[in-house]
Structures are given as C-alpha cells and as structure tokens.
Amino acid sequence: MSWVLLLAFASGFPFGMIQELLPLYLRSEGLGLEAIGLASLIGLPWSLKALWAPLVDRVGTLKGWMILGLALCTLGSLMVPWVPVHSRLLMGILLGIAIGSATQDIAIDGTIATALPAEEVARANGLRVAAYRAAMALTGGAAAVMGEKLGWPMAFVTMAGVQALLMVGQARCSLRGGVPEREPLQDWFRALGSWATEPAAWGLFAMALFFKLGDAAMAPMVKTFWLDYGMTVTETAVFSTTFGALLTVIGAISGGDLMSRMGPRLGILLLGLAQAVSNLGYALAALGGGVPAIYTASVVESFSGGLGTAALLGSFALAARGTQAATRFAILTAIVGFTRSLAGALSGSAVEQWGYTGWFFLTFLLSLPGLALAIWVGGRLLPPPER
C-alpha cells in the first residue's frame, strides 16, 4: 500500500499543476481570460489517453512508461517559467506535460489493477484517491504561495525537484504490474475488441458515463453558488476548497475500506447512493437554509464524493483486470473525463434557466441512471463477496 500511495501521489502531482496552478500562474503573468479559457484544452490528453494506451500495454514495461511520462513532466516544469506566457512554445511545453502525465497515469492504473490481489483493490483505490488529492492540493496551494512569495521560477524548479524524487521512487517500486504480451498485434486488438463488444462491457461503459454525472454536473456551480449567496472568496476557498478536499480524502479512504468489507457489488451501490443523495443537500441550501445549511451541504457532498470516487475506481480496477488492464482502465477513465467536460459545459446555462435549486435537484436525478447501471454491472462483472 505504501507503493500505491507513492504512485498515486506521482499521478496527481502534474495533473494538479495543470488543473489547479496553471490558471493562477497565467493570470498573474498577465494573460487574458479568453486565452486562459482556451488553455483548458491542454487537458485533452487525459481524455484521449486511450488512443495510445495499447502502446503502453504492449511495448516495454509499465514501470518504464511511468518513469518516462514523469520525466517529460519534470523537464517541462523546468522550462515553463523561462518561456513567455503569450508564446506558442509555452503551450507546446504544457501540452507535453499533459501527455507525459496522461502516459504515466496509464501505466500506474495498469500496475495497480494487475499487481494487487483482487481483495486488496478496493482499499488500494481509496488510498489512491487520497494521495492523488493530496498531490493536487500541494501543487494548487503550497506551490501557488511559493510562486507569489519567492517567484514563479523557484516554484516550478521546486516542483520539478519533487517530480525527480518521485521518479526515483518509481524506479525502486516493487509492484510488478502488467503481463508480458507475446501474441501478434492483430490478436491483441481482437481480444480487446471482444472485451469491448460484450454486453456486460457496454453496461460498464454506460456506468462510467453516468455514475459521476450528477457530481460532474453540480461541481462547476458549487463555488459560484457560495459567492452568489454572499460568501466571500476566502470563505469559499478555505471551507469549500481546502476543507472540502480533506473531507474528500477521508471519504475516499473510508470508501475503499467499506468496499473491501462489503464486497464490490454491494459497496458500489451503497456508496453511489450516498454520493447521489448528497446533492440534495445543496438543493435544500439553495431553498433558503442559510449559512449552516450551506456548510452542512458542503461537508456531506465532499465526503460522499470521495466515497463515490473510491467505489468507481475500485469497480474499474476489478473489471479491467487481465493482460490489457492499462488499456481497459484508460478507456473507462476517459469516458468519465468526457462526462466531466460535457456536464460542466452545460451547467452554467442550466442554472441561468432553472436557478440553483432546480439545477441541484436535477443533478440528483441525473445520478439515478448510474445507480441502476451499477446494480446491473455489479451482478455481471464484479466478483461476489467472499463467504
């Protein structure tokens, strides 16, 4: 489990740098809002990583790929503060970091899915979410403060140093994931196609699309709701973001432990139900429950979101086990990323049309198809509880 924590932290570190730190850096260096918005396209490799996942699965070793991916992130981090923010070169460097990060994610997912006994997968995925979130909080918080106080070159060089140390840890990792492939490429893709066209697999794809739909639809509007209700930016950042991240970590660890105790079939249903019901807290707060209702909704939603994430990743890891685990896991997480992008893009206009109360209640309804699919998938793909 200590190796799982290290690999998950290494996975979350460059992702947090792009998603959390980059907008602050670009804005502080004078880049316009329109350009910063377009810079979000840098995150596309995380949604498209399934395209080169077969290469990671078949060529070399998973450990080699994760080290190579993090090496690209380390080199890019060293270059970022010395390149003008308005240049295309910077966008190319950042895109390289995203590709390197997505590549190491493929290798790490495949390693954890195949190197651990099935009974340990659920607990491991709870720890993964915790370490991943911790890394994102570090790059989005501590690195931002360092950039403001000591200068951005110092911040990025320090992050490059941390990633270099993580590469050393990856090189020493004793987890041996993946199964060497000897079959011809045509047979390998035929086996992947056979897995992807099974009725049960289509149910799994549908669950990946819908299980986090309610959360993904509500998330972009949570912070705007706080501000529109009259809360300050500091209150929102401290409670909703920082404290919320801590609660998500606790929820993820708890969810992994509960999945291992209840078994994946019952665990994904109950934890998914908790995730869905938590959206109603914000719907009630928007009706006029006052500040205590907002705080309560935030606590419940953050914790339950961690529960749901642990359940989803645990089910993916069990369903993707096999000789093509890295590719299968990449396909499933790419579908989840698509859900996040699409639901987030529509959430603003939906709130303008229906208001916060209507939209938050609708996000609860959007969670229900994912729960129904979890029941179906749990009965066909996930192992029954041990007796």
Protein backbone atom coordinates (compact mmCIF):
# COMPACT_ATOMS: atom_id res chain seq x y z
CA MET A 1 0.00 0.00 0.00
CA SER A 2 2.94 2.38 0.52
CA TRP A 3 3.85 1.93 -3.14
CA VAL A 4 0.25 2.60 -4.11
CA LEU A 5 0.40 5.89 -2.19
CA LEU A 6 3.64 6.90 -3.90
CA LEU A 7 2.39 6.09 -7.40
CA ALA A 8 -0.92 7.87 -6.83
CA PHE A 9 0.86 10.95 -5.49
CA ALA A 10 3.10 10.96 -8.57
CA SER A 11 -0.02 10.69 -10.73
CA GLY A 12 -1.80 13.62 -9.09
CA PHE A 13 1.20 15.98 -8.95
CA PRO A 14 1.44 17.05 -12.64
CA PHE A 15 -2.35 16.90 -13.02
CA GLY A 16 -2.72 19.38 -10.16
CA MET A 17 -0.04 21.59 -11.71
CA ILE A 18 -2.04 21.87 -14.95
CA GLN A 19 -5.54 21.99 -13.48
CA GLU A 20 -5.02 23.96 -10.26
CA LEU A 21 -1.81 26.01 -10.57
CA LEU A 22 -1.68 26.91 -14.25
CA PRO A 23 -4.66 29.35 -14.31
CA LEU A 24 -3.20 31.25 -11.34
CA TYR A 25 0.23 31.41 -12.97
CA LEU A 26 -1.06 32.54 -16.36
CA ARG A 27 -3.34 35.20 -14.86
CA SER A 28 -0.62 36.56 -12.55
CA GLU A 29 1.68 36.87 -15.56
CA GLY A 30 -0.89 38.99 -17.42
CA LEU A 31 -2.59 36.51 -19.75
CA GLY A 32 -6.17 37.38 -20.67
CA LEU A 33 -9.21 35.43 -19.54
CA GLU A 34 -10.08 34.26 -23.06
CA ALA A 35 -6.60 32.83 -23.56
CA ILE A 36 -6.69 31.18 -20.14
CA GLY A 37 -10.02 29.58 -21.04
CA LEU A 38 -8.59 28.23 -24.28
CA ALA A 39 -5.62 26.90 -22.33
CA SER A 40 -8.01 24.40 -20.72
CA LEU A 41 -7.70 22.43 -23.98
CA ILE A 42 -4.27 21.41 -22.71
CA GLY A 43 -6.12 18.87 -20.60
CA LEU A 44 -7.33 16.92 -23.65
CA PRO A 45 -4.62 14.21 -23.35
CA TRP A 46 -6.33 12.91 -20.21
CA SER A 47 -9.50 12.34 -22.25
CA LEU A 48 -7.66 10.90 -25.26
CA LYS A 49 -5.14 8.69 -23.48
CA ALA A 50 -6.97 5.53 -24.52
CA LEU A 51 -5.60 6.14 -28.04
CA TRP A 52 -2.03 5.30 -27.04
CA ALA A 53 -2.81 3.04 -24.09
CA PRO A 54 -2.32 -0.09 -26.29
CA LEU A 55 1.26 1.04 -26.94
CA VAL A 56 1.88 1.29 -23.19
CA ASP A 57 0.31 -2.12 -22.66
CA ARG A 58 2.33 -3.92 -25.34
CA VAL A 59 5.73 -2.22 -25.61
CA GLY A 60 8.32 -2.20 -22.83
CA THR A 61 7.27 -2.30 -19.17
CA LEU A 62 4.67 -0.33 -17.25
CA LYS A 63 7.38 0.89 -14.88
CA GLY A 64 9.41 2.21 -17.79
CA TRP A 65 6.44 4.09 -19.20
CA MET A 66 5.53 5.70 -15.88
CA ILE A 67 9.12 6.91 -15.41
CA LEU A 68 9.25 8.23 -18.98
CA GLY A 69 5.95 10.07 -18.52
CA LEU A 70 7.05 11.71 -15.28
CA ALA A 71 10.41 12.60 -16.86
CA LEU A 72 8.54 14.62 -19.50
CA CYS A 73 6.63 16.39 -16.73
CA THR A 74 9.84 17.15 -14.85
CA LEU A 75 11.60 18.57 -17.91
CA GLY A 76 8.56 20.64 -18.84
CA SER A 77 8.27 22.05 -15.31
CA LEU A 78 11.87 23.27 -15.50
CA MET A 79 11.17 25.07 -18.79
CA VAL A 80 7.81 26.74 -18.02
CA PRO A 81 8.90 29.85 -16.03
CA TRP A 82 11.54 30.84 -18.61
CA VAL A 83 9.16 30.97 -21.59
CA PRO A 84 6.85 33.99 -22.23
CA VAL A 85 3.24 33.17 -21.35
CA HIS A 86 1.97 34.55 -24.67
CA SER A 87 4.16 32.25 -26.77
CA ARG A 88 3.05 29.12 -28.60
CA LEU A 89 6.16 27.42 -27.26
CA LEU A 90 4.74 27.57 -23.72
CA MET A 91 1.51 25.95 -24.89
CA GLY A 92 3.58 23.21 -26.52
CA ILE A 93 5.55 22.65 -23.31
CA LEU A 94 2.37 22.46 -21.24
CA LEU A 95 0.84 20.05 -23.73
CA GLY A 96 3.95 17.89 -23.38
CA ILE A 97 3.49 17.88 -19.59
CA ALA A 98 -0.13 16.79 -20.04
CA ILE A 99 0.85 14.00 -22.43
CA GLY A 100 3.58 12.81 -20.06
CA SER A 101 1.16 12.90 -17.13
CA ALA A 102 -1.54 11.00 -19.02
CA THR A 103 1.02 8.39 -20.09
CA GLN A 104 2.21 7.74 -16.56
CA ASP A 105 -1.43 7.53 -15.48
CA ILE A 106 -2.00 4.71 -17.98
CA ALA A 107 0.99 2.81 -16.63
CA ILE A 108 0.10 3.43 -12.98
CA ASP A 109 -3.52 2.35 -13.49
CA GLY A 110 -2.38 -0.83 -15.21
CA THR A 111 0.17 -1.57 -12.50
CA ILE A 112 -2.25 -1.22 -9.61
CA ALA A 113 -5.02 -3.10 -11.41
CA THR A 114 -2.82 -6.15 -12.09
CA ALA A 115 -0.21 -6.20 -9.32
CA LEU A 116 -2.56 -6.38 -6.32
CA PRO A 117 -4.73 -9.29 -5.19
CA ALA A 118 -8.40 -8.74 -6.00
CA GLU A 119 -9.31 -8.45 -2.32
CA GLU A 120 -6.89 -5.52 -1.89
CA VAL A 121 -8.03 -3.49 -4.92
CA ALA A 122 -10.86 -1.62 -3.21
CA ARG A 123 -8.76 -0.49 -0.24
CA ALA A 124 -5.91 0.47 -2.57
CA ASN A 125 -8.18 2.67 -4.66
CA GLY A 126 -9.36 4.53 -1.58
CA LEU A 127 -5.73 5.31 -0.77
CA ARG A 128 -5.11 6.27 -4.39
CA VAL A 129 -7.77 8.95 -4.33
CA ALA A 130 -6.40 10.29 -1.04
CA ALA A 131 -2.81 10.55 -2.31
CA TYR A 132 -3.95 11.96 -5.65
CA ARG A 133 -5.95 14.71 -3.96
CA ALA A 134 -3.09 15.48 -1.60
CA ALA A 135 -0.76 15.99 -4.55
CA MET A 136 -3.27 18.28 -6.25
CA ALA A 137 -3.69 20.30 -3.05
CA LEU A 138 0.09 20.68 -2.77
CA THR A 139 0.54 21.96 -6.32
CA GLY A 140 -2.56 24.14 -6.18
CA GLY A 141 -1.84 25.54 -2.69
CA ALA A 142 1.76 25.41 -1.49
CA ALA A 143 3.24 25.90 -4.96
CA ALA A 144 0.98 28.90 -5.59
CA VAL A 145 2.06 30.53 -2.34
CA MET A 146 5.71 29.86 -3.20
CA GLY A 147 5.22 31.42 -6.61
CA GLU A 148 3.71 34.55 -5.09
CA LYS A 149 6.28 34.91 -2.28
CA LEU A 150 9.51 33.61 -3.84
CA GLY A 151 8.84 33.93 -7.55
CA TRP A 152 7.49 31.53 -10.14
CA PRO A 153 10.91 30.20 -11.24
CA MET A 154 11.53 28.95 -7.69
CA ALA A 155 8.08 27.37 -7.57
CA PHE A 156 8.43 25.47 -10.84
CA VAL A 157 12.02 24.40 -10.15
CA THR A 158 10.90 23.07 -6.77
CA MET A 159 8.05 21.14 -8.37
CA ALA A 160 10.49 19.70 -10.89
CA GLY A 161 12.67 18.58 -7.98
CA VAL A 162 9.74 16.86 -6.28
CA GLN A 163 8.88 15.04 -9.51
CA ALA A 164 12.51 13.95 -9.93
CA LEU A 165 12.39 12.41 -6.45
CA LEU A 166 9.15 10.69 -7.34
CA MET A 167 10.85 9.22 -10.41
CA VAL A 168 13.48 7.69 -8.12
CA GLY A 169 10.66 6.21 -6.04
CA GLN A 170 9.01 4.79 -9.16
CA ALA A 171 12.30 3.18 -10.21
CA ARG A 172 12.51 1.43 -6.82
CA CYS A 173 8.85 0.39 -6.77
CA SER A 174 8.45 -3.32 -6.11
CA LEU A 175 4.98 -3.59 -7.68
CA ARG A 176 5.15 -5.57 -10.90
CA GLY A 177 2.11 -4.75 -13.00
CA GLY A 178 1.12 -5.97 -16.42
CA VAL A 179 1.58 -9.27 -18.19
CA PRO A 180 4.15 -9.51 -21.00
CA GLU A 181 2.38 -9.79 -24.33
CA ARG A 182 3.64 -12.28 -26.89
CA GLU A 183 0.60 -12.59 -29.13
CA PRO A 184 0.52 -10.83 -32.54
CA LEU A 185 -0.85 -7.31 -32.66
CA GLN A 186 -3.89 -8.41 -34.63
CA ASP A 187 -4.78 -10.99 -32.00
CA TRP A 188 -4.23 -8.45 -29.21
CA PHE A 189 -6.68 -5.99 -30.75
CA ARG A 190 -9.12 -8.80 -31.48
CA ALA A 191 -9.08 -9.69 -27.77
CA LEU A 192 -9.62 -6.03 -26.84
CA GLY A 193 -12.47 -5.77 -29.30
CA SER A 194 -14.04 -8.93 -27.91
CA TRP A 195 -13.94 -7.45 -24.40
CA ALA A 196 -15.32 -4.09 -25.57
CA THR A 197 -18.25 -5.60 -27.51
CA GLU A 198 -19.56 -7.87 -24.76
CA PRO A 199 -22.98 -6.77 -23.45
CA ALA A 200 -21.60 -6.59 -19.92
CA ALA A 201 -18.77 -4.31 -21.09
CA TRP A 202 -21.25 -1.94 -22.69
CA GLY A 203 -23.00 -1.76 -19.36
CA LEU A 204 -19.66 -0.91 -17.78
CA PHE A 205 -19.09 1.86 -20.34
CA ALA A 206 -22.54 3.25 -19.64
CA MET A 207 -21.88 3.19 -15.90
CA ALA A 208 -18.60 5.05 -16.47
CA LEU A 209 -20.57 7.68 -18.39
CA PHE A 210 -23.38 8.14 -15.88
CA PHE A 211 -22.10 7.16 -12.42
CA LYS A 212 -20.45 10.56 -11.73
CA LEU A 213 -22.82 12.56 -13.92
CA GLY A 214 -24.67 14.16 -11.02
CA ASP A 215 -21.44 15.18 -9.30
CA ALA A 216 -19.90 16.43 -12.55
CA ALA A 217 -23.00 18.50 -13.35
CA MET A 218 -23.11 20.15 -9.93
CA ALA A 219 -19.39 20.73 -9.27
CA PRO A 220 -18.79 23.77 -11.52
CA MET A 221 -21.70 25.64 -9.91
CA VAL A 222 -20.90 24.98 -6.25
CA LYS A 223 -18.38 27.79 -5.81
CA THR A 224 -20.47 30.27 -7.79
CA PHE A 225 -23.40 29.38 -5.53
CA TRP A 226 -21.31 30.23 -2.47
CA LEU A 227 -20.32 33.58 -3.92
CA ASP A 228 -23.81 34.44 -5.19
CA TYR A 229 -25.21 33.62 -1.76
CA GLY A 230 -22.91 36.29 -0.28
CA MET A 231 -19.98 34.23 0.97
CA THR A 232 -16.52 35.74 0.48
CA VAL A 233 -13.82 34.32 -1.76
CA THR A 234 -11.75 33.49 1.33
CA GLU A 235 -14.63 31.63 2.98
CA THR A 236 -15.23 29.70 -0.22
CA ALA A 237 -11.55 28.84 -0.69
CA VAL A 238 -10.94 27.79 2.91
CA PHE A 239 -14.09 25.77 3.54
CA SER A 240 -15.35 24.57 0.17
CA THR A 241 -11.95 24.00 -1.45
CA THR A 242 -9.35 23.24 1.21
CA PHE A 243 -11.52 21.66 3.90
CA GLY A 244 -13.63 20.05 1.19
CA ALA A 245 -10.53 18.40 -0.30
CA LEU A 246 -9.65 16.98 3.13
CA LEU A 247 -13.15 15.55 3.52
CA THR A 248 -12.94 14.02 0.03
CA VAL A 249 -9.69 12.32 1.02
CA ILE A 250 -11.30 10.94 4.20
CA GLY A 251 -14.30 9.79 2.16
CA ALA A 252 -12.08 8.06 -0.38
CA ILE A 253 -10.14 6.15 2.29
CA SER A 254 -13.38 5.21 4.04
CA GLY A 255 -14.95 4.18 0.73
CA GLY A 256 -12.06 1.89 -0.13
CA ASP A 257 -12.27 0.22 3.27
CA LEU A 258 -16.06 -0.17 3.02
CA MET A 259 -15.77 -1.66 -0.47
CA SER A 260 -13.32 -4.25 0.82
CA ARG A 261 -15.63 -5.13 3.73
CA MET A 262 -18.99 -5.18 1.92
CA GLY A 263 -17.72 -6.53 -1.37
CA PRO A 264 -17.76 -4.60 -4.65
CA ARG A 265 -21.33 -5.47 -5.64
CA LEU A 266 -22.99 -4.03 -2.55
CA GLY A 267 -20.30 -1.41 -1.99
CA ILE A 268 -20.63 0.39 -5.32
CA LEU A 269 -24.42 0.57 -4.91
CA LEU A 270 -24.45 1.95 -1.35
CA LEU A 271 -21.55 4.36 -1.86
CA GLY A 272 -23.05 5.53 -5.13
CA LEU A 273 -26.36 6.12 -3.38
CA ALA A 274 -24.63 8.25 -0.72
CA GLN A 275 -22.95 10.24 -3.49
CA ALA A 276 -26.27 10.88 -5.24
CA VAL A 277 -28.29 11.82 -2.14
CA SER A 278 -25.63 14.34 -1.07
CA ASN A 279 -26.62 16.59 -3.99
CA LEU A 280 -29.98 17.16 -2.34
CA GLY A 281 -28.17 18.97 0.48
CA TYR A 282 -27.23 21.79 -1.86
CA ALA A 283 -30.75 21.83 -3.30
CA LEU A 284 -32.14 22.36 0.21
CA ALA A 285 -29.49 25.00 0.98
CA ALA A 286 -30.46 26.89 -2.17
CA LEU A 287 -34.09 26.95 -0.97
CA GLY A 288 -33.02 29.23 1.87
CA GLY A 289 -31.49 27.11 4.60
CA GLY A 290 -28.94 29.78 5.49
CA VAL A 291 -25.23 29.56 6.14
CA PRO A 292 -25.45 26.44 8.38
CA ALA A 293 -27.24 24.59 5.56
CA ILE A 294 -24.51 25.56 3.09
CA TYR A 295 -21.75 24.38 5.41
CA THR A 296 -23.60 21.13 6.07
CA ALA A 297 -24.20 20.56 2.36
CA SER A 298 -20.51 21.14 1.64
CA VAL A 299 -19.36 18.67 4.31
CA VAL A 300 -21.75 15.93 3.18
CA GLU A 301 -21.11 16.46 -0.54
CA SER A 302 -17.31 16.47 -0.23
CA PHE A 303 -17.22 13.35 1.93
CA SER A 304 -19.75 11.49 -0.22
CA GLY A 305 -17.91 12.47 -3.40
CA GLY A 306 -14.86 10.67 -2.03
CA LEU A 307 -16.97 7.61 -1.29
CA GLY A 308 -18.30 7.53 -4.84
CA THR A 309 -14.89 8.00 -6.44
CA ALA A 310 -13.39 5.14 -4.45
CA ALA A 311 -16.30 2.91 -5.43
CA LEU A 312 -15.99 3.75 -9.13
CA LEU A 313 -12.22 3.28 -9.32
CA GLY A 314 -12.48 0.05 -7.35
CA SER A 315 -15.02 -1.37 -9.79
CA PHE A 316 -12.90 -0.28 -12.76
CA ALA A 317 -9.81 -1.95 -11.37
CA LEU A 318 -11.69 -5.23 -10.84
CA ALA A 319 -13.44 -5.18 -14.21
CA ALA A 320 -10.27 -4.25 -16.14
CA ARG A 321 -8.03 -6.95 -14.66
CA GLY A 322 -6.21 -9.04 -17.24
CA THR A 323 -3.49 -8.77 -19.84
CA GLN A 324 -4.86 -5.46 -21.18
CA ALA A 325 -5.55 -3.79 -17.86
CA ALA A 326 -3.82 -0.48 -18.66
CA THR A 327 -5.74 -0.04 -21.91
CA ARG A 328 -9.08 -1.06 -20.42
CA PHE A 329 -8.65 1.23 -17.41
CA ALA A 330 -7.67 4.11 -19.72
CA ILE A 331 -10.81 3.64 -21.79
CA LEU A 332 -13.03 3.68 -18.71
CA THR A 333 -11.44 6.76 -17.11
CA ALA A 334 -11.50 8.58 -20.46
CA ILE A 335 -15.29 8.09 -20.54
CA VAL A 336 -15.53 9.60 -17.06
CA GLY A 337 -13.45 12.57 -18.26
CA PHE A 338 -15.85 13.10 -21.16
CA THR A 339 -18.75 13.21 -18.71
CA ARG A 340 -16.93 15.83 -16.62
CA SER A 341 -16.28 18.07 -19.61
CA LEU A 342 -19.76 17.85 -21.12
CA ALA A 343 -21.72 18.25 -17.89
CA GLY A 344 -19.55 21.17 -16.76
CA ALA A 345 -20.02 22.98 -20.06
CA LEU A 346 -23.82 22.85 -19.72
CA SER A 347 -24.13 23.65 -16.01
CA GLY A 348 -23.90 27.46 -16.27
CA SER A 349 -26.72 27.87 -18.77
CA ALA A 350 -28.82 25.37 -16.81
CA VAL A 351 -28.54 27.44 -13.61
CA GLU A 352 -29.48 30.60 -15.51
CA GLN A 353 -32.61 28.86 -16.77
CA TRP A 354 -33.74 26.89 -13.70
CA GLY A 355 -31.92 28.54 -10.80
CA TYR A 356 -29.66 26.85 -8.28
CA THR A 357 -32.43 24.93 -6.52
CA GLY A 358 -33.81 23.43 -9.71
CA TRP A 359 -30.40 22.55 -11.10
CA PHE A 360 -29.09 20.98 -7.89
CA PHE A 361 -32.22 18.84 -7.62
CA LEU A 362 -31.85 17.84 -11.27
CA THR A 363 -28.28 16.71 -10.63
CA PHE A 364 -29.67 14.24 -8.09
CA LEU A 365 -31.97 12.83 -10.78
CA LEU A 366 -29.03 12.65 -13.17
CA SER A 367 -27.29 10.36 -10.67
CA LEU A 368 -30.03 7.72 -10.71
CA PRO A 369 -29.23 6.08 -14.09
CA GLY A 370 -25.68 5.50 -12.87
CA LEU A 371 -27.01 3.72 -9.77
CA ALA A 372 -29.23 1.48 -11.88
CA LEU A 373 -26.30 0.63 -14.12
CA ALA A 374 -24.15 -0.07 -11.04
CA ILE A 375 -26.67 -2.72 -9.97
CA TRP A 376 -26.56 -4.30 -13.43
CA VAL A 377 -22.77 -4.21 -13.72
CA GLY A 378 -22.26 -5.41 -10.17
CA GLY A 379 -24.28 -8.53 -10.87
CA ARG A 380 -22.34 -9.42 -14.03
CA LEU A 381 -18.76 -8.17 -13.87
CA LEU A 382 -17.78 -7.76 -10.25
CA PRO A 383 -16.88 -10.72 -8.01
CA PRO A 384 -19.38 -11.81 -5.36
CA PRO A 385 -18.49 -11.28 -1.69
CA GLU A 386 -16.39 -13.98 -0.08
CA ARG A 387 -18.20 -16.30 2.28
